[in-house]
Protein backbone atom coordinates (compact mmCIF):
# COMPACT_ATOMS: atom_id res chain seq x y z
CA MET A 1 80.71 90.02 46.11
CA LYS A 2 79.33 92.32 48.83
CA LYS A 3 78.50 89.33 51.02
CA LEU A 4 82.05 88.03 50.61
CA ALA A 5 83.49 91.41 51.59
CA LEU A 6 81.27 91.52 54.67
CA LEU A 7 82.28 88.03 55.68
CA LEU A 8 85.96 88.92 55.28
CA ALA A 9 85.46 92.08 57.34
CA PHE A 10 83.72 90.19 60.13
CA GLY A 11 86.43 87.56 59.98
CA CYS A 12 89.10 90.23 60.51
CA VAL A 13 87.22 91.70 63.46
CA PHE A 14 86.80 88.26 65.01
CA THR A 15 90.51 87.52 64.54
CA LEU A 16 91.50 90.77 66.25
CA THR A 17 89.13 90.37 69.17
CA ALA A 18 90.08 86.74 69.62
CA GLN A 19 93.79 87.51 69.76
CA THR A 20 95.15 86.49 73.15
CA GLU A 21 97.35 88.61 75.38
CA ILE A 22 100.34 86.33 74.85
CA GLU A 23 99.85 86.58 71.07
CA LYS A 24 99.92 90.37 71.32
CA VAL A 25 103.15 90.13 73.30
CA SER A 26 104.75 87.68 70.86
CA GLU A 27 103.79 89.83 67.88
CA THR A 28 105.72 92.87 69.16
CA THR A 29 108.64 91.18 70.98
CA SER A 30 111.40 89.62 68.90
CA LYS A 31 114.93 88.45 69.49
CA SER A 32 116.23 90.66 66.67
CA ASP A 33 114.74 93.79 68.26
CA ILE A 34 116.19 92.88 71.64
CA GLU A 35 119.63 92.24 70.18
CA GLY A 36 119.50 95.46 68.18
CA HIS A 37 118.80 97.62 71.22
CA ILE A 38 121.28 95.93 73.53
CA TYR A 39 124.13 95.75 71.03
CA PHE A 40 123.72 99.47 70.31
CA LEU A 41 123.48 100.60 73.95
CA ALA A 42 126.40 98.41 75.04
CA ASP A 43 128.64 99.27 72.06
CA ASP A 44 132.18 100.51 72.80
CA LEU A 45 131.34 103.66 70.82
CA LEU A 46 129.10 104.79 73.72
CA LYS A 47 132.05 104.43 76.11
CA GLY A 48 130.00 102.98 78.94
CA ARG A 49 127.25 105.66 78.96
CA ASP A 50 128.62 107.71 81.84
CA THR A 51 126.34 110.50 83.07
CA GLY A 52 127.20 113.92 81.70
CA THR A 53 129.07 112.61 78.65
CA PRO A 54 128.21 113.16 74.97
CA GLU A 55 127.87 109.38 74.66
CA LEU A 56 125.01 109.26 77.19
CA LYS A 57 123.28 112.01 75.21
CA ILE A 58 123.61 109.81 72.09
CA ALA A 59 121.94 106.99 74.04
CA ALA A 60 119.16 109.37 75.13
CA SER A 61 118.58 110.43 71.53
CA TYR A 62 118.41 106.78 70.44
CA LEU A 63 115.81 106.04 73.13
CA ALA A 64 113.75 109.12 72.32
CA ASN A 65 113.69 108.22 68.66
CA SER A 66 112.69 104.66 69.49
CA PHE A 67 109.67 106.07 71.34
CA ARG A 68 108.93 108.32 68.37
CA ARG A 69 109.19 105.43 65.92
CA TYR A 70 106.78 103.32 67.96
CA GLY A 71 104.20 106.11 68.15
CA VAL A 72 104.64 106.89 71.85
CA LYS A 73 103.61 110.45 72.76
CA PRO A 74 106.28 112.76 74.22
CA ASN A 75 106.67 114.26 77.70
CA PRO A 76 103.43 116.25 78.18
CA LYS A 77 105.28 119.09 79.93
CA THR A 78 107.88 119.77 77.25
CA GLY A 79 106.51 118.37 74.00
CA THR A 80 109.84 116.55 73.61
CA TYR A 81 110.91 113.15 74.89
CA TYR A 82 113.24 114.68 77.45
CA GLN A 83 113.18 115.98 80.98
CA GLU A 84 116.24 118.09 81.70
CA VAL A 85 117.99 117.07 84.91
CA LYS A 86 120.29 119.72 86.35
CA LEU A 87 123.25 118.23 88.17
CA LYS A 88 126.53 119.48 89.53
CA ARG A 89 129.90 117.75 89.54
CA ILE A 90 131.68 118.13 92.86
CA ALA A 91 135.39 117.37 93.21
CA PRO A 92 136.65 116.89 96.77
CA SER A 93 139.25 119.25 98.13
CA LYS A 94 142.84 118.38 97.35
CA ASP A 95 143.90 120.41 100.36
CA ALA A 96 143.15 118.62 103.62
CA SER A 97 144.93 117.84 106.88
CA ILE A 98 143.59 115.66 109.71
CA ILE A 99 145.46 115.25 113.00
CA ILE A 100 144.17 113.34 116.05
CA ASN A 101 146.25 113.48 119.26
CA ASN A 102 149.26 114.65 117.23
CA GLN A 103 148.87 111.68 114.86
CA THR A 104 148.49 112.68 111.20
CA LEU A 105 146.00 110.54 109.32
CA THR A 106 147.14 109.71 105.80
CA ASP A 107 144.81 107.12 104.27
CA TYR A 108 141.35 108.67 104.12
CA VAL A 109 138.52 109.70 101.80
CA LEU A 110 136.29 112.75 102.18
CA LEU A 111 132.74 111.42 101.89
CA ASN A 112 131.27 114.81 102.80
CA ALA A 113 133.25 117.94 103.42
CA ASP A 114 132.58 121.63 103.10
CA ALA A 115 135.59 123.87 103.66
CA MET A 116 136.41 123.95 107.38
CA SER A 117 139.13 124.65 109.89
CA ALA A 118 138.71 123.21 113.39
CA ASN A 119 140.99 122.79 116.39
CA GLN A 120 138.88 121.23 119.11
CA ASP A 121 138.09 118.29 121.35
CA ALA A 122 137.17 114.92 119.91
CA ILE A 123 135.18 112.09 121.45
CA PHE A 124 135.17 108.36 120.74
CA LEU A 125 131.60 107.13 120.18
CA ASN A 126 132.03 103.42 119.44
CA HIS A 127 129.97 102.84 116.23
CA GLY A 128 128.27 106.24 116.28
CA LEU A 129 124.77 104.77 116.51
CA ALA A 130 121.86 106.03 118.64
CA ASP A 131 122.80 104.26 121.87
CA ASP A 132 126.37 105.54 121.60
CA TYR A 133 125.21 109.15 121.95
CA LYS A 134 123.21 108.61 125.13
CA GLY A 135 124.53 110.62 128.08
CA LYS A 136 127.44 112.04 126.05
CA ASP A 137 128.40 115.71 125.64
CA VAL A 138 129.07 115.82 121.90
CA LYS A 139 127.93 119.28 120.76
CA GLY A 140 130.60 120.98 118.64
CA LYS A 141 133.02 118.06 118.97
CA ILE A 142 134.64 115.74 116.46
CA ALA A 143 133.11 112.26 116.69
CA ILE A 144 135.53 109.38 116.16
CA ILE A 145 133.65 106.16 115.42
CA LYS A 146 134.19 102.63 114.17
CA ALA A 147 132.70 101.61 110.83
CA GLY A 148 129.58 99.47 110.76
CA GLY A 149 127.66 98.32 113.81
CA PRO A 150 127.51 95.45 116.32
CA GLN A 151 125.77 93.18 113.78
CA THR A 152 127.67 94.40 110.70
CA ASN A 153 130.51 92.29 109.38
CA ASP A 154 131.14 93.45 105.83
CA THR A 155 132.20 96.72 104.25
CA ARG A 156 129.16 97.17 102.00
CA ALA A 157 126.78 96.84 104.94
CA ALA A 158 128.97 99.21 106.97
CA LEU A 159 128.81 101.87 104.27
CA ARG A 160 125.03 101.54 104.10
CA LEU A 161 124.88 102.86 107.67
CA ARG A 162 126.44 106.13 106.58
CA GLN A 163 123.18 108.09 106.22
CA THR A 164 121.97 106.92 109.63
CA LYS A 165 125.23 107.95 111.27
CA GLU A 166 125.29 111.25 109.41
CA LYS A 167 121.78 112.15 110.58
CA LEU A 168 122.58 111.23 114.18
CA ALA A 169 125.69 113.40 114.08
CA LYS A 170 123.79 116.34 112.62
CA ASP A 171 120.93 115.97 115.13
CA ASN A 172 123.47 115.95 117.97
CA GLU A 173 125.35 118.95 116.50
CA VAL A 174 128.62 117.10 115.96
CA THR A 175 131.11 119.12 113.90
CA ALA A 176 132.64 116.22 111.96
CA ILE A 177 132.74 112.41 111.83
CA ILE A 178 135.97 110.44 111.58
CA GLU A 179 134.97 106.85 110.80
CA LEU A 180 137.63 104.15 111.16
CA LEU A 181 137.36 101.24 108.71
CA ASP A 182 139.36 98.04 108.96
CA ALA A 183 139.71 96.95 105.31
CA ASP A 184 142.10 94.90 103.21
CA ASP A 185 144.20 96.53 100.49
CA GLU A 186 141.88 95.55 97.62
CA THR A 187 138.75 96.87 99.36
CA TRP A 188 140.44 100.10 100.38
CA SER A 189 141.81 100.62 96.88
CA PHE A 190 138.25 100.33 95.54
CA ILE A 191 136.93 102.82 98.13
CA ASP A 192 139.80 105.24 97.56
CA HIS A 193 139.29 105.11 93.79
CA ASN A 194 135.53 105.62 93.98
CA PHE A 195 135.30 108.28 96.68
CA ASN A 196 138.45 110.35 96.19
CA ARG A 197 137.20 111.66 92.87
CA SER A 198 134.40 113.89 91.64
CA ARG A 199 130.77 112.94 92.29
CA LEU A 200 127.46 114.13 90.91
CA ALA A 201 124.59 115.65 92.87
CA ILE A 202 121.29 117.30 91.99
CA ASP A 203 121.77 121.03 91.49
CA LEU A 204 119.21 122.79 93.65
CA GLY A 205 120.30 126.26 92.49
CA GLU A 206 119.67 128.96 95.07
CA SER A 207 118.36 126.37 97.52
CA ASP A 208 121.85 124.85 97.60
CA LYS A 209 123.36 128.15 98.62
CA SER A 210 120.96 128.64 101.49
CA ALA A 211 121.18 125.04 102.71
CA SER A 212 122.98 124.35 105.96
CA LYS A 213 126.52 123.07 105.73
CA GLU A 214 127.18 119.36 105.52
CA THR A 215 128.63 117.57 108.53
CA ALA A 216 132.14 116.66 107.47
CA TYR A 217 132.39 112.88 107.11
CA VAL A 218 135.84 111.33 106.72
CA LEU A 219 136.43 107.60 106.22
CA VAL A 220 139.87 106.51 107.45
CA LEU A 221 141.72 103.26 106.80
CA ASP A 222 142.38 101.58 110.15
CA LYS A 223 144.10 98.27 109.49
CA ASP A 224 143.46 95.68 112.17
CA GLY A 225 141.52 98.29 114.19
CA THR A 226 144.71 99.73 115.68
CA MET A 227 143.52 103.35 115.81
CA ALA A 228 140.08 102.39 117.13
CA GLU A 229 141.74 100.55 120.00
CA GLN A 230 144.13 103.43 120.66
CA PHE A 231 141.54 106.24 120.53
CA SER A 232 138.93 104.35 122.57
CA ALA A 233 141.48 103.94 125.38
CA ALA A 234 142.72 107.56 125.33
CA LYS A 235 141.65 109.71 128.29
CA THR A 236 141.45 112.83 126.11
CA LEU A 237 141.26 113.38 122.37
CA ASN A 238 142.05 116.55 120.48
CA SER A 239 141.90 117.23 116.77
CA LYS A 240 143.08 119.62 114.11
CA ILE A 241 141.16 119.45 110.83
CA VAL A 242 141.64 121.70 107.83
CA ILE A 243 139.71 121.07 104.60
CA GLY A 244 139.88 123.36 101.58
CA ASP A 245 137.14 124.32 99.13
CA LYS A 246 135.48 121.81 96.82
CA HIS A 247 135.36 122.44 93.08
CA GLU A 248 131.90 122.47 91.47
CA GLU A 249 130.68 122.63 87.86
CA SER A 250 127.24 122.32 86.23
CA VAL A 251 126.20 119.19 84.32
CA ILE A 252 122.99 118.81 82.31
CA SER A 253 121.58 115.34 81.66
CA GLN A 254 118.19 113.95 80.59
CA ASN A 255 115.50 111.56 81.71
CA VAL A 256 113.77 110.15 78.61
CA ILE A 257 109.97 110.16 78.89
CA GLY A 258 106.99 108.99 76.83
CA VAL A 259 103.25 108.46 77.38
CA ILE A 260 100.50 106.21 75.98
CA GLU A 261 96.89 106.86 76.91
CA GLY A 262 94.77 103.98 78.20
CA THR A 263 91.55 102.78 76.56
CA ASP A 264 89.16 102.74 79.53
CA PRO A 265 87.25 106.00 80.18
CA GLN A 266 87.92 105.74 83.94
CA LEU A 267 91.05 103.61 84.30
CA LYS A 268 93.00 105.73 81.80
CA ASN A 269 93.35 108.28 84.61
CA GLU A 270 95.54 105.75 86.40
CA TYR A 271 99.09 105.25 85.11
CA ILE A 272 101.52 102.38 85.25
CA ILE A 273 105.11 103.63 85.19
CA TYR A 274 107.53 101.46 83.21
CA SER A 275 111.04 102.49 84.20
CA ALA A 276 114.73 101.66 83.97
CA HIS A 277 118.00 103.56 84.06
CA TYR A 278 120.05 103.83 80.90
CA ASP A 279 123.35 105.21 82.27
CA HIS A 280 126.31 103.11 83.36
CA LEU A 281 129.87 103.60 84.70
CA GLY A 282 131.72 104.88 81.64
CA ILE A 283 135.47 104.32 81.39
CA ASP A 284 137.28 103.18 84.52
CA GLN A 285 140.05 100.90 85.76
CA PRO A 286 140.95 98.22 83.19
CA ASP A 287 140.41 94.53 83.88
CA LYS A 288 142.99 91.80 83.36
CA THR A 289 142.44 91.91 79.60
CA GLY A 290 143.08 95.66 79.47
CA ASP A 291 139.43 96.49 78.75
CA SER A 292 138.46 99.75 80.49
CA ILE A 293 135.00 100.35 78.97
CA TYR A 294 132.20 99.34 81.33
CA ASN A 295 129.59 98.59 78.66
CA GLY A 296 126.71 97.74 80.99
CA ALA A 297 124.84 95.24 78.80
CA ARG A 298 123.10 93.64 81.76
CA ASP A 299 123.20 96.81 83.84
CA ASN A 300 121.21 98.26 82.35
CA ALA A 301 120.87 97.94 78.58
CA VAL A 302 118.68 94.92 79.33
CA GLY A 303 116.42 96.93 81.66
CA THR A 304 116.24 99.80 79.20
CA THR A 305 115.22 97.37 76.47
CA THR A 306 112.43 95.90 78.60
CA VAL A 307 110.88 99.36 78.75
CA LEU A 308 111.31 99.84 75.00
CA SER A 309 109.63 96.46 74.44
CA MET A 310 106.72 97.53 76.64
CA ALA A 311 106.42 100.81 74.74
CA LYS A 312 106.35 99.08 71.36
CA ASN A 313 103.65 96.69 72.55
CA LEU A 314 101.39 99.29 74.18
CA ALA A 315 101.69 101.66 71.24
CA LYS A 316 99.97 98.97 69.17
CA TYR A 317 97.79 97.40 71.86
CA PRO A 318 97.11 99.89 74.69
CA THR A 319 95.84 98.61 78.04
CA LYS A 320 92.93 100.04 80.00
CA ARG A 321 95.33 102.03 82.18
CA SER A 322 97.65 104.62 80.73
CA ALA A 323 101.40 104.12 80.57
CA LEU A 324 104.23 106.47 81.52
CA PHE A 325 107.67 105.38 80.32
CA ILE A 326 110.69 106.85 82.13
CA LEU A 327 114.31 106.03 81.34
CA PHE A 328 116.49 107.55 84.05
CA THR A 329 119.88 109.16 83.94
CA ALA A 330 122.43 109.04 86.79
CA GLU A 331 121.18 105.94 88.61
CA GLU A 332 124.77 104.84 89.03
CA LYS A 333 125.56 108.20 90.65
CA GLY A 334 123.09 107.72 93.50
CA LEU A 335 119.64 107.31 91.87
CA LEU A 336 119.77 110.98 90.89
CA GLY A 337 117.53 110.86 87.80
CA SER A 338 114.66 109.26 89.70
CA SER A 339 115.27 111.45 92.76
CA TYR A 340 114.88 114.48 90.53
CA TYR A 341 111.81 113.05 88.80
CA VAL A 342 109.74 112.33 91.93
CA GLU A 343 110.23 115.96 93.00
CA ASN A 344 109.47 117.24 89.49
CA PRO A 345 106.89 114.82 88.02
CA VAL A 346 105.46 115.51 84.57
CA LEU A 347 102.09 114.09 85.68
CA PRO A 348 100.63 114.09 89.23
CA LEU A 349 102.13 111.37 91.41
CA HIS A 350 98.73 110.39 92.80
CA GLN A 351 97.75 109.18 89.32
CA MET A 352 100.72 106.79 89.29
CA VAL A 353 99.36 103.55 90.76
CA TYR A 354 102.35 101.28 90.07
CA CYS A 355 106.00 101.58 89.08
CA PHE A 356 107.25 98.51 87.22
CA ASN A 357 110.99 99.10 87.34
CA SER A 358 113.59 96.96 85.56
CA ASP A 359 117.21 96.86 86.70
CA ASN A 360 119.84 94.13 86.56
CA ALA A 361 123.18 92.95 87.85
CA GLY A 362 123.30 89.61 86.04
CA TYR A 363 121.85 86.12 86.10
CA ASN A 364 122.86 82.62 87.18
CA ASP A 365 119.57 80.78 86.66
CA THR A 366 117.78 80.98 83.30
CA SER A 367 114.69 79.21 84.60
CA VAL A 368 113.66 82.12 86.82
CA ILE A 369 113.01 85.86 86.99
CA SER A 370 114.00 87.57 90.23
CA VAL A 371 111.52 90.30 91.18
CA ILE A 372 112.74 92.50 94.01
CA GLY A 373 109.60 93.21 96.00
CA LEU A 374 107.45 90.59 94.26
CA THR A 375 105.55 89.59 97.39
CA ARG A 376 105.04 93.14 98.65
CA THR A 377 102.26 94.24 96.28
CA SER A 378 98.89 92.97 95.11
CA ALA A 379 100.24 92.57 91.56
CA GLU A 380 102.23 89.50 92.60
CA ASN A 381 99.92 87.00 90.88
CA ASN A 382 99.92 89.00 87.64
CA ILE A 383 103.71 88.77 87.51
CA ILE A 384 103.85 85.10 88.52
CA SER A 385 101.26 84.05 85.91
CA ALA A 386 103.00 86.09 83.20
CA ALA A 387 106.30 84.34 83.92
CA GLU A 388 104.61 80.92 83.90
CA ALA A 389 103.01 81.68 80.52
CA VAL A 390 106.46 81.91 78.92
CA GLY A 391 108.00 78.99 80.80
CA LEU A 392 109.73 80.87 83.62
CA LYS A 393 109.22 81.14 87.36
CA ALA A 394 109.03 84.51 89.15
CA ILE A 395 110.76 84.47 92.55
CA GLU A 396 111.20 87.03 95.31
CA ASP A 397 114.56 88.66 96.04
CA PRO A 398 116.90 85.75 96.93
CA ALA A 399 119.65 88.01 98.32
CA LYS A 400 117.99 90.24 100.90
CA GLU A 401 121.38 90.90 102.50
CA GLN A 402 122.33 92.99 99.44
CA GLY A 403 119.60 95.57 100.09
CA LEU A 404 118.68 95.56 96.39
CA PHE A 405 115.22 97.10 96.85
CA ASP A 406 116.88 100.29 98.11
CA ARG A 407 119.58 100.33 95.44
CA SER A 408 117.53 101.04 92.33
CA ASP A 409 115.23 103.80 91.10
CA ASN A 410 112.10 102.02 92.33
CA VAL A 411 112.83 103.05 95.92
CA ASN A 412 112.27 106.75 95.21
CA PHE A 413 108.73 105.96 94.04
CA ALA A 414 108.17 103.60 96.97
CA LYS A 415 109.07 106.39 99.39
CA LYS A 416 106.30 108.47 97.84
CA GLY A 417 103.87 105.59 98.39
CA ILE A 418 103.74 104.13 94.86
CA PRO A 419 103.97 100.30 94.72
CA ALA A 420 107.31 99.73 93.01
CA PRO A 421 109.08 96.36 92.60
CA THR A 422 112.07 95.77 90.33
CA PHE A 423 111.99 93.12 87.60
CA SER A 424 115.44 91.51 87.30
CA LEU A 425 117.26 88.75 85.46
CA GLY A 426 117.13 85.41 87.26
CA PHE A 427 119.51 84.77 90.11
CA THR A 428 119.25 82.51 93.12
CA SER A 429 122.24 84.02 94.95
CA PHE A 430 124.31 87.16 94.43
CA ASP A 431 127.45 85.38 93.24
CA GLY A 432 128.82 83.36 90.34
CA ASP A 433 127.81 84.77 86.97
CA VAL A 434 126.12 87.71 88.71
CA THR A 435 129.25 89.12 90.33
CA LYS A 436 131.38 88.00 87.38
CA TYR A 437 129.71 90.65 85.21
CA TYR A 438 128.25 93.15 87.71
CA HIS A 439 130.00 96.51 87.20
CA GLN A 440 132.76 94.86 85.16
CA PRO A 441 134.13 95.63 81.67
CA GLY A 442 133.15 92.10 80.62
CA ASP A 443 129.43 92.99 80.73
CA GLU A 444 129.21 92.95 76.94
CA ALA A 445 126.27 92.35 74.61
CA ASP A 446 127.78 89.20 73.12
CA SER A 447 127.96 87.51 76.54
CA LEU A 448 124.16 87.32 76.92
CA ASP A 449 121.79 84.39 76.38
CA TYR A 450 119.21 85.86 73.97
CA ASP A 451 116.94 82.81 74.05
CA TYR A 452 116.51 83.39 77.77
CA LEU A 453 116.16 87.14 77.25
CA LEU A 454 113.32 86.66 74.77
CA LYS A 455 111.32 84.83 77.45
CA PHE A 456 112.36 87.40 80.07
CA PHE A 457 111.13 90.30 77.92
CA LYS A 458 107.88 88.57 77.06
CA ALA A 459 107.24 87.98 80.76
CA TYR A 460 107.77 91.68 81.55
CA VAL A 461 105.49 92.86 78.75
CA LEU A 462 102.79 90.32 79.59
CA ALA A 463 102.95 91.19 83.29
CA GLY A 464 102.65 94.87 82.42
CA ARG A 465 99.62 94.16 80.29
CA LYS A 466 97.98 92.16 83.08
CA ILE A 467 98.56 94.94 85.61
CA GLY A 468 97.41 97.58 83.14
CA ASN A 469 94.16 95.73 82.46
CA ASP A 470 93.40 94.47 85.97
CA ILE A 471 90.13 95.85 87.33
CA GLN A 472 91.72 96.07 90.79
CA THR A 473 94.15 98.94 91.29
CA PRO A 474 97.52 97.59 92.48
CA ARG A 475 98.54 98.43 96.05
CA TRP A 476 101.10 97.66 98.74
CA ASN A 477 100.22 94.62 100.80
CA GLU A 478 98.90 95.34 104.28
CA GLY A 479 101.63 96.11 106.78
CA ASP A 480 104.27 96.98 104.20
CA LYS A 481 106.88 99.56 105.12
CA TYR A 482 105.46 101.99 102.55
CA GLU A 483 101.75 101.43 103.23
CA GLU A 484 101.39 104.65 105.26
CA ALA A 485 103.09 106.74 102.57
CA SER A 486 100.70 105.18 100.05
CA LYS A 487 97.67 106.14 102.13
CA ALA A 488 98.97 109.68 102.40
CA LEU A 489 99.45 109.91 98.62
CA TYR A 490 96.19 108.38 97.42
CA GLN A 491 93.71 109.03 100.23
CA ALA A 492 94.49 112.72 100.43
CA GLU A 493 93.58 113.06 96.78
CA ALA A 494 90.43 110.96 97.26
CA VAL A 495 89.29 113.24 100.10
CA LYS A 496 89.99 116.30 97.95
CA ASN A 497 87.74 114.94 95.20
């Protein structure tokens, strides 16, 4: 009887040790779990999970309790599964007047604007880029510029130049920017709706009060470029700008955080971050069916669920490296949750060797996984082989023109030097079924292909396991844009030790 018991015991040990990585993944990843998470997070009852709403707090509680149920340890700084993120809601002034050469501008949005009153010279600076400032006396003047740049031919790309133009204006001590945008009615309606309403920002407390004033930045509708042509030809330009006070109020939201310790005595000091944002757009303009709830099943209940799937797996089968799970708030408001986190990390950033982010717009090819930044890090082969193991193909960003790497939470970690791609549903171009659902009320849980999602989730979990167990620490590939930041982050710590 004793011999039989021993044989059974050894048999159990052998079975456990012989279990393959893909078997561990399959054991903890099921279609029913995936459906359960996504259907809950994308339910109408959560009203689109807008940041600062009670419904987003319900989602945060659900995620925290999922971590608790799996056996994931809480945020080491708080002992809870939350990191409080202090935000402020800023409503633009309703009291503004902008006059250029006695012409009152009527169709505009205030992108940036502290209270101001100015009656001074203006200057036309073409696109307001670096070369346009050369040899010009601009200090204290109002800069009138055209949207975009010489190589920019669409509105989204033009708006992405805003930070560059804003910095140039501030460096050259320009008082305000008036940017003229030639846009059709539909595009302008979208801009007007999205910018002429309150926005969220990180609340820096006393630091906010002592910060220098923003350079006023006004975007003006200029159909057919009429004003740009008129102002560029004018011999002199004068302006009168009056902008009233903004309205501000405090908003508290939460990043949801959990930790699992690794099994290797040395490698457990290195962490893989598994991240996604769990907020979405809330309630907004109705579509043709009258639906006004932007449920965000793809964006980003799917991404959130990938992280939950990883947590469930690692809680049962930890990897050599430790895991830090972060579910971000306020991504849709300007990557605010991750911006706050990288300045207030719960564990030292130099211990974070990889950020495996998951964010989605949609999919139009169920044979692939699109990984934004796949070829930029040494973990590329781990991700490719994981996808192949479940019958999918991992491909690099097929729509570089969209600037997707810089539009999700991964970029805030990349800026700090941490290798950080984004794992996304399969698309071969940013159109079709991607744009059909991206930021639309129709992005509902029942519109998803769960057979495809099961393979997608298994690929993410398996890739995470491979990276977590790899003897080689993941890194940026040589020559990458963020390689120098990475050296600064990791080598400084190595020298210190």
